[in-house]
Amino acid sequence: MRMTTLGRTDLNVSVLCLGSMTWGTQNTMAEAHAQIDHALDRGINFIDTAEMYPVNPVSRETIGRTEEIIGEWLADSGRRSDIVLATKHSGEGLAHVRGGAPISSATIVGAVEGSLRRLKTDVIDLYQFHWPNRGSYMFRKNWRYDPSHQNRQETVAHMEDALGALQKLVDQGKIRHFGLSNESAWGTANWLEVAGRCGGPRAATMQNEYSLLCRLYDTDMAELSVNEDVTLLAFSPLATGLLTGKYQNGARPEGSRITLNSDLGGRVNEKVFPAVDAYLKIARKHGLDPSQMAIAWCLTRPFAAVPIFGATTMEQLDTALGAAEVSLSDEVLAEIDTAHRAHPMPY
């Protein structure tokens, strides 16, 4: 497995990251532990989670369960030093966590302590803010995004407050590095500016959705990533399974996400399936597994990117792991560009 360094940190991670958001709903603890063991055997050393996981569905009863499952694995295996562990602080509006309170110095310490307790570890390698307090254009909100309610002074004051709290946790050895998620170029630039001006951990990573079907990152954020050394942690590189082809022609495989979330978080519409067909055609033409092509493509981008993949079966896990060994030819990449121009924003 190839390795890469996250941002300007000392975190050396596998070029693929094992996602965990199904552990505790679609996967049992035993299945999750088997996934971790197998992924590590194949060279993965990077695991991403969040205090609000598992999903499908998110519920008050399961909040924190995925962190607990990882914590049990850490306690049983004694292999904490073998993994780079990332988790996230939930933000404003999620009623199941802290009553939907926004991220602030008042919530950060308790959130970190809760994650440390559930994860049964002394330190979190990468601590991320799951979404901005001010809102975001992610999750299909880009179609009617309206930043007119924002107040720059309040946003910057929040950043100063939060980074001050995070720095204390870094000094205490409870977190090592800081990352963002579902952020914009403007927001990220300001987080970086505040860290440089006031101190506090510098954002090393950005966890945003990114796939052949969702390429909002390709312009402003791509430029920021290159010039500021912010590594993209690309979630949903298979577009919640759409790019595998398993949902084409109305298929609804038993136990799949679409049986739990019929529109896949707003991704299902009349444009998405023709777009998927275009990518499946490229994969078939070149003898590629479509899942591996989609994940491998993320590794070809002109900015640093680490795809985060999830699996509910060991077969899916093996397929995703194999993407690290797939090399896409110039011809394949050119055909992907052509397909993207024909289907630029399918959802």
Protein backbone atom coordinates (compact mmCIF):
# COMPACT_ATOMS: atom_id res chain seq x y z
CA MET A 1 0.00 0.00 0.00
CA ARG A 2 1.34 3.41 -0.95
CA MET A 3 1.57 6.04 1.76
CA THR A 4 1.11 9.81 1.87
CA THR A 5 1.46 12.63 4.40
CA LEU A 6 -1.55 14.66 5.50
CA GLY A 7 -1.06 18.38 4.89
CA ARG A 8 1.92 19.80 6.78
CA THR A 9 1.67 17.24 9.57
CA ASP A 10 3.76 14.22 10.49
CA LEU A 11 0.80 11.88 9.91
CA ASN A 12 1.91 9.27 7.35
CA VAL A 13 -1.16 7.41 6.16
CA SER A 14 -2.21 4.86 3.58
CA VAL A 15 -3.52 6.41 0.34
CA LEU A 16 -6.91 4.88 1.14
CA CYS A 17 -8.83 5.46 4.37
CA LEU A 18 -11.25 2.97 5.92
CA GLY A 19 -14.61 4.58 6.65
CA SER A 20 -16.79 3.36 9.49
CA MET A 21 -20.20 4.98 9.34
CA THR A 22 -22.12 1.71 8.85
CA TRP A 23 -20.63 0.05 11.94
CA GLY A 24 -23.41 -0.27 14.48
CA THR A 25 -26.35 -0.22 12.07
CA GLN A 26 -25.62 -2.05 8.82
CA ASN A 27 -22.63 -3.89 10.34
CA THR A 28 -22.25 -5.65 13.68
CA MET A 29 -19.28 -5.17 15.98
CA ALA A 30 -17.83 -8.52 14.87
CA GLU A 31 -18.12 -7.52 11.21
CA ALA A 32 -16.52 -4.15 11.89
CA HIS A 33 -13.61 -5.75 13.73
CA ALA A 34 -13.11 -8.21 10.88
CA GLN A 35 -13.04 -5.29 8.43
CA ILE A 36 -10.38 -3.49 10.48
CA ASP A 37 -8.22 -6.61 10.78
CA HIS A 38 -8.44 -7.33 7.06
CA ALA A 39 -7.81 -3.74 6.01
CA LEU A 40 -4.72 -3.55 8.21
CA ASP A 41 -3.47 -6.82 6.74
CA ARG A 42 -3.77 -5.17 3.32
CA GLY A 43 -1.77 -2.11 4.34
CA ILE A 44 -4.43 0.34 5.53
CA ASN A 45 -3.45 2.33 8.61
CA PHE A 46 -6.01 5.17 8.47
CA ILE A 47 -9.53 4.94 9.97
CA ASP A 48 -12.12 7.73 9.96
CA THR A 49 -15.14 7.98 12.23
CA ALA A 50 -17.34 10.58 13.95
CA GLU A 51 -19.14 10.99 17.24
CA MET A 52 -22.52 10.96 15.41
CA TYR A 53 -21.91 7.60 13.68
CA PRO A 54 -23.38 5.16 12.75
CA VAL A 55 -25.76 6.43 10.09
CA ASN A 56 -28.57 4.77 8.10
CA PRO A 57 -30.27 5.96 10.17
CA VAL A 58 -28.79 8.48 12.61
CA SER A 59 -30.62 8.02 15.90
CA ARG A 60 -30.29 9.08 19.50
CA GLU A 61 -29.86 5.43 20.51
CA THR A 62 -26.83 4.81 18.29
CA ILE A 63 -24.92 8.10 18.59
CA GLY A 64 -21.31 7.25 19.47
CA ARG A 65 -21.72 3.54 18.79
CA THR A 66 -19.17 3.43 15.98
CA GLU A 67 -16.53 5.03 18.19
CA GLU A 68 -17.34 2.43 20.85
CA ILE A 69 -16.89 -0.38 18.32
CA ILE A 70 -13.48 0.98 17.33
CA GLY A 71 -12.62 1.39 21.01
CA GLU A 72 -13.41 -2.26 21.68
CA TRP A 73 -11.15 -3.26 18.79
CA LEU A 74 -8.34 -1.11 20.16
CA ALA A 75 -8.76 -2.60 23.64
CA ASP A 76 -8.85 -6.17 22.33
CA SER A 77 -6.06 -5.85 19.77
CA GLY A 78 -3.63 -3.56 21.55
CA ARG A 79 -2.76 -2.13 18.13
CA ARG A 80 -3.29 1.58 18.75
CA SER A 81 0.14 2.42 17.35
CA ASP A 82 -0.74 0.69 14.06
CA ILE A 83 -3.47 3.15 13.08
CA VAL A 84 -3.97 6.84 12.45
CA LEU A 85 -7.35 7.61 13.98
CA ALA A 86 -9.61 10.47 12.86
CA THR A 87 -12.95 11.50 14.34
CA LYS A 88 -15.28 14.51 14.20
CA HIS A 89 -17.15 17.00 16.39
CA SER A 90 -20.80 17.31 15.33
CA GLY A 91 -22.04 20.82 14.62
CA GLU A 92 -25.10 22.98 14.96
CA GLY A 93 -28.48 21.46 14.26
CA LEU A 94 -27.96 17.79 15.14
CA ALA A 95 -30.43 17.51 17.99
CA HIS A 96 -29.19 14.07 19.07
CA VAL A 97 -25.78 15.52 20.09
CA ARG A 98 -25.65 18.25 22.74
CA GLY A 99 -29.15 19.35 21.78
CA GLY A 100 -27.89 20.70 18.47
CA ALA A 101 -25.45 23.17 20.02
CA PRO A 102 -22.97 24.85 17.67
CA ILE A 103 -19.24 24.15 17.88
CA SER A 104 -17.51 26.38 20.45
CA SER A 105 -14.93 26.33 23.21
CA ALA A 106 -17.84 25.37 25.47
CA THR A 107 -18.48 22.13 23.54
CA ILE A 108 -15.05 21.11 22.25
CA VAL A 109 -13.54 19.82 25.49
CA GLY A 110 -16.53 17.66 26.35
CA ALA A 111 -16.80 16.36 22.81
CA VAL A 112 -13.13 15.36 22.75
CA GLU A 113 -13.36 13.72 26.16
CA GLY A 114 -16.41 11.75 25.03
CA SER A 115 -14.68 10.52 21.89
CA LEU A 116 -11.54 9.57 23.82
CA ARG A 117 -13.62 7.60 26.29
CA ARG A 118 -15.57 5.74 23.62
CA LEU A 119 -12.47 5.10 21.51
CA LYS A 120 -10.55 3.86 24.58
CA THR A 121 -7.50 5.88 23.60
CA ASP A 122 -5.46 8.73 25.04
CA VAL A 123 -5.10 10.74 21.85
CA ILE A 124 -6.98 11.47 18.62
CA ASP A 125 -4.60 11.83 15.68
CA LEU A 126 -6.88 14.01 13.55
CA TYR A 127 -9.79 15.89 15.12
CA GLN A 128 -12.24 17.38 12.63
CA PHE A 129 -15.19 19.77 12.73
CA HIS A 130 -17.97 17.94 10.89
CA TRP A 131 -19.63 21.03 9.34
CA PRO A 132 -19.45 24.81 9.81
CA ASN A 133 -21.63 26.64 12.31
CA ARG A 134 -22.59 29.18 9.64
CA GLY A 135 -23.89 26.49 7.28
CA SER A 136 -22.52 25.00 4.10
CA TYR A 137 -23.35 24.46 0.44
CA MET A 138 -22.60 20.75 0.77
CA PHE A 139 -25.21 17.96 0.63
CA ARG A 140 -27.04 19.42 -2.39
CA LYS A 141 -27.50 22.82 -0.73
CA ASN A 142 -25.34 24.35 -3.47
CA TRP A 143 -28.38 24.68 -5.74
CA ARG A 144 -29.89 27.43 -3.61
CA TYR A 145 -26.93 28.44 -1.46
CA ASP A 146 -27.45 31.78 0.26
CA PRO A 147 -24.63 33.20 2.41
CA SER A 148 -26.37 36.56 2.91
CA HIS A 149 -27.20 35.78 6.55
CA GLN A 150 -23.55 35.30 7.47
CA ASN A 151 -21.61 37.72 9.65
CA ARG A 152 -17.86 37.75 9.04
CA GLN A 153 -17.01 39.22 12.44
CA GLU A 154 -18.98 36.51 14.25
CA THR A 155 -17.46 33.76 12.10
CA VAL A 156 -13.89 34.91 12.71
CA ALA A 157 -14.55 35.30 16.45
CA HIS A 158 -15.85 31.71 16.49
CA MET A 159 -12.71 30.50 14.73
CA GLU A 160 -10.47 32.27 17.24
CA ASP A 161 -12.47 30.82 20.13
CA ALA A 162 -12.44 27.26 18.74
CA LEU A 163 -8.76 27.22 17.82
CA GLY A 164 -7.86 28.48 21.28
CA ALA A 165 -9.71 25.54 22.83
CA LEU A 166 -8.15 23.08 20.39
CA GLN A 167 -4.64 24.35 21.12
CA LYS A 168 -5.10 23.61 24.81
CA LEU A 169 -6.05 20.04 23.89
CA VAL A 170 -2.99 19.76 21.64
CA ASP A 171 -0.84 21.00 24.52
CA GLN A 172 -2.43 18.38 26.78
CA GLY A 173 -1.65 15.65 24.25
CA LYS A 174 -5.32 14.76 23.67
CA ILE A 175 -5.38 15.64 19.99
CA ARG A 176 -2.50 15.83 17.54
CA HIS A 177 -3.84 17.61 14.46
CA PHE A 178 -6.93 19.44 13.23
CA GLY A 179 -9.07 19.04 10.13
CA LEU A 180 -12.23 20.49 8.62
CA SER A 181 -15.19 18.96 6.84
CA ASN A 182 -17.92 20.24 4.52
CA GLU A 183 -16.16 23.60 4.30
CA SER A 184 -15.73 26.17 1.54
CA ALA A 185 -12.61 27.84 0.16
CA TRP A 186 -13.48 31.09 1.96
CA GLY A 187 -14.05 29.30 5.24
CA THR A 188 -10.88 27.26 4.97
CA ALA A 189 -8.79 30.30 4.07
CA ASN A 190 -10.07 32.07 7.16
CA TRP A 191 -9.36 29.09 9.42
CA LEU A 192 -5.80 29.12 8.09
CA GLU A 193 -5.46 32.88 8.53
CA VAL A 194 -6.70 32.79 12.11
CA ALA A 195 -4.34 29.93 12.99
CA GLY A 196 -1.42 31.89 11.56
CA ARG A 197 -2.40 35.12 13.29
CA CYS A 198 -3.63 33.89 16.67
CA GLY A 199 -2.09 30.46 17.03
CA GLY A 200 -3.91 27.19 17.28
CA PRO A 201 -3.62 24.09 15.14
CA ARG A 202 -3.51 24.68 11.40
CA ALA A 203 -6.15 22.85 9.34
CA ALA A 204 -4.33 19.96 7.68
CA THR A 205 -7.22 18.27 5.91
CA MET A 206 -10.61 18.89 4.36
CA GLN A 207 -13.18 16.09 4.38
CA ASN A 208 -15.63 16.93 1.60
CA GLU A 209 -17.72 14.80 -0.71
CA TYR A 210 -15.85 14.04 -3.91
CA SER A 211 -16.41 11.55 -6.69
CA LEU A 212 -16.88 11.24 -10.43
CA LEU A 213 -20.43 12.46 -9.82
CA CYS A 214 -19.67 15.23 -7.31
CA ARG A 215 -16.81 17.51 -8.34
CA LEU A 216 -17.50 20.78 -6.52
CA TYR A 217 -13.96 20.55 -5.12
CA ASP A 218 -12.31 20.89 -8.52
CA THR A 219 -11.99 24.68 -8.67
CA ASP A 220 -11.59 27.00 -5.68
CA MET A 221 -10.94 24.25 -3.15
CA ALA A 222 -8.47 22.49 -5.46
CA GLU A 223 -6.44 25.70 -5.76
CA LEU A 224 -6.50 26.22 -2.01
CA SER A 225 -5.45 22.61 -1.40
CA VAL A 226 -2.42 22.92 -3.66
CA ASN A 227 -1.22 26.28 -2.41
CA GLU A 228 -1.93 25.74 1.29
CA ASP A 229 -1.10 22.02 1.60
CA VAL A 230 -4.57 20.98 2.71
CA THR A 231 -5.21 17.31 1.89
CA LEU A 232 -8.67 16.33 0.68
CA LEU A 233 -10.20 13.39 2.51
CA ALA A 234 -12.73 12.44 -0.16
CA PHE A 235 -15.88 10.93 1.29
CA SER A 236 -18.37 8.98 -0.83
CA PRO A 237 -15.91 8.32 -3.70
CA LEU A 238 -18.44 5.74 -4.95
CA ALA A 239 -21.30 8.24 -4.62
CA THR A 240 -23.06 6.14 -1.95
CA GLY A 241 -22.76 3.08 -4.19
CA LEU A 242 -24.18 4.64 -7.37
CA LEU A 243 -20.85 4.30 -9.20
CA THR A 244 -20.74 0.56 -8.59
CA GLY A 245 -23.70 0.24 -10.96
CA LYS A 246 -25.70 -1.77 -8.44
CA TYR A 247 -28.66 0.63 -8.55
CA GLN A 248 -29.00 0.83 -12.33
CA ASN A 249 -32.31 -0.07 -13.98
CA GLY A 250 -34.23 0.31 -10.75
CA ALA A 251 -32.27 -2.32 -8.81
CA ARG A 252 -32.52 -2.19 -5.01
CA PRO A 253 -30.20 -4.88 -3.58
CA GLU A 254 -31.32 -6.25 -0.24
CA GLY A 255 -29.58 -4.52 2.66
CA SER A 256 -28.14 -1.75 0.48
CA ARG A 257 -28.28 1.90 1.43
CA ILE A 258 -31.00 2.73 -1.06
CA THR A 259 -33.38 0.42 0.84
CA LEU A 260 -32.79 2.60 3.90
CA ASN A 261 -32.58 5.98 2.17
CA SER A 262 -34.55 5.96 -1.06
CA ASP A 263 -33.03 9.08 -2.63
CA LEU A 264 -29.52 8.52 -1.24
CA GLY A 265 -29.43 11.93 0.38
CA GLY A 266 -30.69 13.76 -2.69
CA ARG A 267 -28.40 12.00 -5.15
CA VAL A 268 -31.07 10.02 -6.99
CA ASN A 269 -32.76 11.83 -9.88
CA GLU A 270 -33.34 11.43 -13.61
CA LYS A 271 -29.85 12.71 -14.50
CA VAL A 272 -27.73 10.49 -12.27
CA PHE A 273 -28.31 7.11 -13.89
CA PRO A 274 -27.28 8.20 -17.41
CA ALA A 275 -24.15 9.71 -15.84
CA VAL A 276 -23.40 6.42 -14.10
CA ASP A 277 -23.96 4.59 -17.38
CA ALA A 278 -21.29 6.74 -19.02
CA TYR A 279 -18.72 5.76 -16.39
CA LEU A 280 -19.75 2.11 -16.40
CA LYS A 281 -19.23 2.08 -20.18
CA ILE A 282 -15.67 3.37 -19.74
CA ALA A 283 -14.92 0.73 -17.11
CA ARG A 284 -16.28 -2.09 -19.30
CA LYS A 285 -14.37 -0.89 -22.36
CA HIS A 286 -11.06 -0.98 -20.48
CA GLY A 287 -11.67 -4.09 -18.40
CA LEU A 288 -11.83 -2.18 -15.12
CA ASP A 289 -13.96 -2.79 -12.08
CA PRO A 290 -16.14 0.37 -11.89
CA SER A 291 -15.67 0.74 -8.14
CA GLN A 292 -11.91 0.50 -8.45
CA MET A 293 -11.88 2.92 -11.36
CA ALA A 294 -13.86 5.47 -9.36
CA ILE A 295 -11.63 5.23 -6.30
CA ALA A 296 -8.38 5.11 -8.31
CA TRP A 297 -9.47 8.22 -10.21
CA CYS A 298 -9.49 10.18 -6.93
CA LEU A 299 -5.80 9.37 -6.58
CA THR A 300 -4.99 10.96 -9.96
CA ARG A 301 -6.14 14.47 -9.08
CA PRO A 302 -3.78 17.48 -9.25
CA PHE A 303 -4.19 18.02 -5.49
CA ALA A 304 -3.50 15.64 -2.61
CA ALA A 305 -6.50 13.40 -2.00
CA VAL A 306 -7.17 10.35 0.16
CA PRO A 307 -10.45 8.56 -0.67
CA ILE A 308 -12.47 7.31 2.30
CA PHE A 309 -14.33 4.13 1.40
CA GLY A 310 -16.84 2.11 3.37
CA ALA A 311 -18.02 -1.46 3.01
CA THR A 312 -20.81 -3.58 4.39
CA THR A 313 -19.38 -6.88 3.11
CA MET A 314 -15.90 -8.34 2.93
CA GLU A 315 -16.28 -8.64 -0.84
CA GLN A 316 -16.89 -4.91 -1.09
CA LEU A 317 -13.93 -4.29 1.19
CA ASP A 318 -11.58 -6.36 -0.98
CA THR A 319 -12.75 -4.61 -4.12
CA ALA A 320 -12.13 -1.17 -2.63
CA LEU A 321 -8.72 -2.15 -1.29
CA GLY A 322 -7.73 -3.30 -4.75
CA ALA A 323 -8.18 0.23 -6.10
CA ALA A 324 -4.82 1.21 -4.61
CA GLU A 325 -3.12 -1.02 -7.18
CA VAL A 326 -5.10 0.24 -10.19
CA SER A 327 -3.37 2.58 -12.62
CA LEU A 328 -5.60 4.50 -15.02
CA SER A 329 -4.25 5.12 -18.50
CA ASP A 330 -4.25 8.51 -20.21
CA GLU A 331 -6.97 7.15 -22.49
CA VAL A 332 -9.20 6.25 -19.56
CA LEU A 333 -8.65 9.64 -17.94
CA ALA A 334 -9.48 11.41 -21.21
CA GLU A 335 -12.71 9.44 -21.55
CA ILE A 336 -13.61 10.26 -17.96
CA ASP A 337 -13.10 13.96 -18.74
CA THR A 338 -15.40 13.63 -21.75
CA ALA A 339 -18.07 11.92 -19.66
CA HIS A 340 -17.80 14.65 -17.02
CA ARG A 341 -18.35 17.38 -19.60
CA ALA A 342 -21.46 15.55 -20.80
CA HIS A 343 -22.75 15.00 -17.23
CA PRO A 344 -21.19 17.83 -15.19
CA MET A 345 -23.52 17.99 -12.17
CA PRO A 346 -25.84 14.99 -12.16
CA TYR A 347 -27.05 15.71 -8.60
